[in-house]
Amino acid sequence: MALWHGDPREADGRHLIEWTVDEDIHWGQNTRAAPSDEPELRQEGDRVIMSGSLHLTADATAYLQMGHWSVLFDLVPPVPSGLEGSWVQISVESQSVSLHPYQT
């Protein structure tokens, strides 16, 4: 389960969420090619699985685009060439994911 950084009494309802993930992208360890080209977010045991389109930035960071939402990551070299815009699946410990809600 991801960490909720809002008032627990306000957890129900619609929210805008800012994500933080305290794990870096390690190709071949926690990141691999996605099995499909559709955004996905799910939990398996103590892991959060995210699939989306990976976009690299000039400062050794990246963001994963999952539909309308994006999540920022740091990259650990080496990063294979040709990843820009490719669909990837990232698996991180659920404790490393924090949600910062904003009521809509």
N, C-alpha and C. Protein backbone atom coordinates (compact mmCIF):
# COMPACT_ATOMS: atom_id res chain seq x y z
N MET A 1 0.84 -1.16 0.00
CA MET A 1 0.00 0.00 0.00
C MET A 1 0.89 1.24 0.00
N ALA A 2 0.59 2.20 -0.83
CA ALA A 2 1.34 3.46 -0.90
C ALA A 2 1.06 4.29 0.34
N LEU A 3 1.99 5.18 0.67
CA LEU A 3 1.84 6.05 1.83
C LEU A 3 0.98 7.25 1.48
N TRP A 4 -0.09 7.47 2.24
CA TRP A 4 -1.02 8.59 2.04
C TRP A 4 -0.57 9.74 2.91
N HIS A 5 -0.20 10.86 2.31
CA HIS A 5 0.28 12.03 3.04
C HIS A 5 -0.78 13.11 3.15
N GLY A 6 -1.99 12.68 3.42
CA GLY A 6 -3.10 13.60 3.62
C GLY A 6 -3.82 13.24 4.89
N ASP A 7 -4.82 13.99 5.23
CA ASP A 7 -5.63 13.72 6.40
C ASP A 7 -6.40 12.42 6.16
N PRO A 8 -6.21 11.40 7.00
CA PRO A 8 -6.91 10.12 6.79
C PRO A 8 -8.43 10.26 6.75
N ARG A 9 -8.97 11.26 7.44
CA ARG A 9 -10.42 11.46 7.44
C ARG A 9 -10.91 11.99 6.11
N GLU A 10 -10.00 12.47 5.26
CA GLU A 10 -10.37 13.02 3.96
C GLU A 10 -9.97 12.10 2.80
N ALA A 11 -9.70 10.84 3.10
CA ALA A 11 -9.23 9.91 2.06
C ALA A 11 -10.31 9.56 1.05
N ASP A 12 -11.58 9.53 1.48
CA ASP A 12 -12.66 9.22 0.54
C ASP A 12 -12.91 10.41 -0.37
N GLY A 13 -13.36 10.13 -1.56
CA GLY A 13 -13.70 11.20 -2.50
C GLY A 13 -12.68 11.33 -3.61
N ARG A 14 -12.90 12.32 -4.45
CA ARG A 14 -12.02 12.55 -5.59
C ARG A 14 -10.89 13.48 -5.17
N HIS A 15 -9.69 13.17 -5.65
CA HIS A 15 -8.52 13.97 -5.33
C HIS A 15 -7.63 14.10 -6.55
N LEU A 16 -6.89 15.18 -6.61
CA LEU A 16 -5.74 15.25 -7.48
C LEU A 16 -4.59 14.74 -6.64
N ILE A 17 -3.72 13.94 -7.23
CA ILE A 17 -2.65 13.30 -6.48
C ILE A 17 -1.30 13.69 -7.08
N GLU A 18 -0.39 14.09 -6.22
CA GLU A 18 1.01 14.24 -6.62
C GLU A 18 1.74 13.02 -6.09
N TRP A 19 2.45 12.35 -6.98
CA TRP A 19 3.17 11.13 -6.63
C TRP A 19 4.62 11.45 -6.33
N THR A 20 5.20 10.74 -5.41
CA THR A 20 6.65 10.69 -5.28
C THR A 20 7.03 9.22 -5.14
N VAL A 21 8.09 8.84 -5.83
CA VAL A 21 8.59 7.47 -5.77
C VAL A 21 10.06 7.56 -5.38
N ASP A 22 10.41 6.94 -4.27
CA ASP A 22 11.77 7.02 -3.74
C ASP A 22 12.67 5.90 -4.24
N GLU A 23 12.38 5.36 -5.41
CA GLU A 23 13.25 4.39 -6.06
C GLU A 23 13.61 4.92 -7.43
N ASP A 24 14.83 4.64 -7.86
CA ASP A 24 15.30 5.04 -9.18
C ASP A 24 14.98 3.96 -10.20
N ILE A 25 15.03 4.33 -11.47
CA ILE A 25 14.87 3.35 -12.54
C ILE A 25 16.19 2.62 -12.72
N HIS A 26 16.15 1.30 -12.52
CA HIS A 26 17.30 0.41 -12.73
C HIS A 26 16.88 -0.57 -13.83
N TRP A 27 17.32 -0.29 -15.06
CA TRP A 27 16.93 -1.14 -16.17
C TRP A 27 17.38 -2.57 -15.92
N GLY A 28 16.48 -3.53 -16.11
CA GLY A 28 16.80 -4.95 -15.92
C GLY A 28 16.62 -5.41 -14.48
N GLN A 29 16.46 -4.48 -13.54
CA GLN A 29 16.22 -4.85 -12.15
C GLN A 29 14.77 -4.54 -11.76
N ASN A 30 14.41 -3.26 -11.76
CA ASN A 30 13.02 -2.92 -11.43
C ASN A 30 12.27 -2.37 -12.64
N THR A 31 12.93 -2.33 -13.78
CA THR A 31 12.32 -1.78 -15.00
C THR A 31 12.60 -2.70 -16.18
N ARG A 32 11.56 -2.90 -16.99
CA ARG A 32 11.71 -3.74 -18.18
C ARG A 32 10.70 -3.28 -19.22
N ALA A 33 10.79 -3.85 -20.41
CA ALA A 33 9.80 -3.54 -21.45
C ALA A 33 8.42 -3.98 -20.97
N ALA A 34 7.41 -3.15 -21.22
CA ALA A 34 6.05 -3.47 -20.82
C ALA A 34 5.46 -4.53 -21.75
N PRO A 35 4.60 -5.39 -21.21
CA PRO A 35 3.99 -6.42 -22.06
C PRO A 35 2.95 -5.87 -23.03
N SER A 36 2.48 -4.63 -22.80
CA SER A 36 1.52 -4.01 -23.72
C SER A 36 1.75 -2.51 -23.73
N ASP A 37 1.10 -1.82 -24.64
CA ASP A 37 1.26 -0.37 -24.74
C ASP A 37 0.04 0.34 -24.17
N GLU A 38 -0.39 -0.10 -23.00
CA GLU A 38 -1.49 0.53 -22.29
C GLU A 38 -1.03 0.91 -20.89
N PRO A 39 -1.43 2.10 -20.41
CA PRO A 39 -1.05 2.49 -19.06
C PRO A 39 -1.68 1.55 -18.04
N GLU A 40 -0.94 1.30 -16.97
CA GLU A 40 -1.45 0.40 -15.94
C GLU A 40 -0.87 0.79 -14.59
N LEU A 41 -1.66 0.61 -13.55
CA LEU A 41 -1.23 0.80 -12.17
C LEU A 41 -1.90 -0.27 -11.35
N ARG A 42 -1.09 -1.07 -10.65
CA ARG A 42 -1.66 -2.13 -9.82
C ARG A 42 -0.70 -2.44 -8.68
N GLN A 43 -1.21 -3.16 -7.71
CA GLN A 43 -0.37 -3.60 -6.60
C GLN A 43 -0.34 -5.12 -6.60
N GLU A 44 0.86 -5.67 -6.43
CA GLU A 44 1.05 -7.11 -6.29
C GLU A 44 1.85 -7.33 -5.02
N GLY A 45 1.19 -7.80 -3.98
CA GLY A 45 1.88 -8.00 -2.71
C GLY A 45 2.41 -6.68 -2.19
N ASP A 46 3.72 -6.61 -1.96
CA ASP A 46 4.32 -5.38 -1.45
C ASP A 46 4.94 -4.53 -2.55
N ARG A 47 4.54 -4.76 -3.81
CA ARG A 47 5.08 -4.02 -4.95
C ARG A 47 3.97 -3.22 -5.64
N VAL A 48 4.32 -2.03 -6.13
CA VAL A 48 3.45 -1.24 -6.98
C VAL A 48 4.01 -1.36 -8.40
N ILE A 49 3.16 -1.76 -9.33
CA ILE A 49 3.55 -1.97 -10.72
C ILE A 49 2.94 -0.85 -11.55
N MET A 50 3.79 -0.13 -12.28
CA MET A 50 3.34 0.97 -13.14
C MET A 50 3.82 0.71 -14.56
N SER A 51 2.93 0.86 -15.51
CA SER A 51 3.29 0.75 -16.93
C SER A 51 2.91 2.04 -17.63
N GLY A 52 3.79 2.50 -18.49
CA GLY A 52 3.53 3.71 -19.24
C GLY A 52 4.63 3.98 -20.24
N SER A 53 4.52 5.12 -20.85
CA SER A 53 5.51 5.55 -21.84
C SER A 53 6.62 6.32 -21.12
N LEU A 54 7.86 5.90 -21.32
CA LEU A 54 9.01 6.49 -20.65
C LEU A 54 9.57 7.65 -21.47
N HIS A 55 9.80 8.77 -20.80
CA HIS A 55 10.36 9.95 -21.46
C HIS A 55 11.60 10.39 -20.70
N LEU A 56 12.71 10.49 -21.41
CA LEU A 56 13.99 10.86 -20.80
C LEU A 56 14.20 12.36 -20.88
N THR A 57 14.86 12.91 -19.87
CA THR A 57 15.17 14.34 -19.86
C THR A 57 16.67 14.51 -19.98
N ALA A 58 17.11 15.73 -20.16
CA ALA A 58 18.53 16.01 -20.37
C ALA A 58 19.35 15.90 -19.08
N ASP A 59 18.71 15.88 -17.94
CA ASP A 59 19.45 15.89 -16.67
C ASP A 59 19.43 14.54 -15.95
N ALA A 60 19.47 13.44 -16.67
CA ALA A 60 19.53 12.08 -16.12
C ALA A 60 18.31 11.74 -15.27
N THR A 61 17.18 12.31 -15.63
CA THR A 61 15.92 11.93 -15.00
C THR A 61 14.97 11.49 -16.10
N ALA A 62 13.82 11.00 -15.68
CA ALA A 62 12.83 10.54 -16.63
C ALA A 62 11.45 10.70 -16.00
N TYR A 63 10.44 10.64 -16.84
CA TYR A 63 9.10 10.55 -16.29
C TYR A 63 8.34 9.47 -17.04
N LEU A 64 7.49 8.80 -16.29
CA LEU A 64 6.64 7.75 -16.83
C LEU A 64 5.26 8.35 -17.05
N GLN A 65 4.82 8.37 -18.29
CA GLN A 65 3.51 8.91 -18.63
C GLN A 65 2.50 7.77 -18.60
N MET A 66 1.55 7.86 -17.66
CA MET A 66 0.50 6.84 -17.52
C MET A 66 -0.83 7.53 -17.81
N GLY A 67 -1.24 7.55 -19.05
CA GLY A 67 -2.46 8.27 -19.40
C GLY A 67 -2.25 9.76 -19.22
N HIS A 68 -3.09 10.38 -18.39
CA HIS A 68 -2.99 11.82 -18.13
C HIS A 68 -1.99 12.15 -17.02
N TRP A 69 -1.47 11.14 -16.35
CA TRP A 69 -0.61 11.36 -15.20
C TRP A 69 0.82 10.97 -15.51
N SER A 70 1.74 11.65 -14.85
CA SER A 70 3.15 11.31 -15.01
C SER A 70 3.81 11.22 -13.62
N VAL A 71 4.83 10.38 -13.56
CA VAL A 71 5.58 10.16 -12.33
C VAL A 71 7.06 10.36 -12.65
N LEU A 72 7.73 11.20 -11.86
CA LEU A 72 9.15 11.48 -12.07
C LEU A 72 10.03 10.41 -11.44
N PHE A 73 11.17 10.12 -12.10
CA PHE A 73 12.14 9.15 -11.62
C PHE A 73 13.55 9.65 -11.90
N ASP A 74 14.49 9.21 -11.09
CA ASP A 74 15.91 9.34 -11.41
C ASP A 74 16.32 8.07 -12.14
N LEU A 75 17.36 8.17 -12.95
CA LEU A 75 17.86 7.04 -13.73
C LEU A 75 19.21 6.58 -13.18
N VAL A 76 19.40 5.27 -13.14
CA VAL A 76 20.70 4.70 -12.78
C VAL A 76 21.32 4.14 -14.05
N PRO A 77 22.52 4.64 -14.44
CA PRO A 77 23.16 4.11 -15.65
C PRO A 77 23.59 2.65 -15.45
N PRO A 78 23.73 1.91 -16.51
CA PRO A 78 23.52 2.31 -17.90
C PRO A 78 22.04 2.22 -18.28
N VAL A 79 21.66 3.10 -19.14
CA VAL A 79 20.30 3.11 -19.68
C VAL A 79 20.40 2.73 -21.15
N PRO A 80 19.71 1.67 -21.57
CA PRO A 80 19.80 1.26 -22.98
C PRO A 80 19.36 2.39 -23.92
N SER A 81 19.97 2.44 -25.08
CA SER A 81 19.56 3.44 -26.07
C SER A 81 18.20 3.06 -26.64
N GLY A 82 17.50 4.04 -27.15
CA GLY A 82 16.21 3.79 -27.78
C GLY A 82 15.05 3.69 -26.82
N LEU A 83 15.22 4.09 -25.56
CA LEU A 83 14.12 3.99 -24.61
C LEU A 83 13.12 5.15 -24.70
N GLU A 84 13.53 6.27 -25.27
CA GLU A 84 12.65 7.44 -25.34
C GLU A 84 11.32 7.08 -25.98
N GLY A 85 10.24 7.27 -25.23
CA GLY A 85 8.91 7.00 -25.74
C GLY A 85 8.50 5.54 -25.71
N SER A 86 9.38 4.65 -25.27
CA SER A 86 9.02 3.22 -25.25
C SER A 86 8.14 2.92 -24.03
N TRP A 87 7.39 1.85 -24.15
CA TRP A 87 6.50 1.42 -23.06
C TRP A 87 7.28 0.52 -22.12
N VAL A 88 7.29 0.90 -20.84
CA VAL A 88 8.03 0.15 -19.84
C VAL A 88 7.14 -0.17 -18.65
N GLN A 89 7.59 -1.15 -17.89
CA GLN A 89 6.92 -1.52 -16.65
C GLN A 89 7.92 -1.34 -15.52
N ILE A 90 7.54 -0.61 -14.49
CA ILE A 90 8.40 -0.34 -13.35
C ILE A 90 7.76 -0.95 -12.12
N SER A 91 8.52 -1.72 -11.37
CA SER A 91 8.05 -2.37 -10.15
C SER A 91 8.85 -1.84 -8.97
N VAL A 92 8.17 -1.20 -8.01
CA VAL A 92 8.83 -0.61 -6.85
C VAL A 92 8.15 -1.09 -5.57
N GLU A 93 8.86 -1.03 -4.46
CA GLU A 93 8.26 -1.38 -3.18
C GLU A 93 7.17 -0.37 -2.87
N SER A 94 6.04 -0.85 -2.39
CA SER A 94 4.92 0.04 -2.12
C SER A 94 5.28 1.10 -1.09
N GLN A 95 6.19 0.81 -0.17
CA GLN A 95 6.59 1.77 0.84
C GLN A 95 7.37 2.94 0.24
N SER A 96 7.87 2.78 -0.98
CA SER A 96 8.62 3.87 -1.61
C SER A 96 7.72 4.83 -2.37
N VAL A 97 6.41 4.53 -2.43
CA VAL A 97 5.45 5.37 -3.15
C VAL A 97 4.67 6.21 -2.15
N SER A 98 4.68 7.51 -2.36
CA SER A 98 3.92 8.42 -1.50
C SER A 98 2.91 9.19 -2.34
N LEU A 99 1.72 9.36 -1.79
CA LEU A 99 0.66 10.10 -2.46
C LEU A 99 0.37 11.36 -1.66
N HIS A 100 0.38 12.48 -2.34
CA HIS A 100 0.11 13.78 -1.72
C HIS A 100 -1.18 14.30 -2.35
N PRO A 101 -2.31 14.18 -1.63
CA PRO A 101 -3.61 14.52 -2.22
C PRO A 101 -3.97 15.99 -2.14
N TYR A 102 -4.78 16.38 -3.12
CA TYR A 102 -5.37 17.70 -3.17
C TYR A 102 -6.85 17.49 -3.50
N GLN A 103 -7.73 17.92 -2.62
CA GLN A 103 -9.17 17.74 -2.82
C GLN A 103 -9.63 18.50 -4.06
N THR A 104 -10.48 17.89 -4.88
CA THR A 104 -11.03 18.56 -6.07
C THR A 104 -12.42 19.07 -5.79
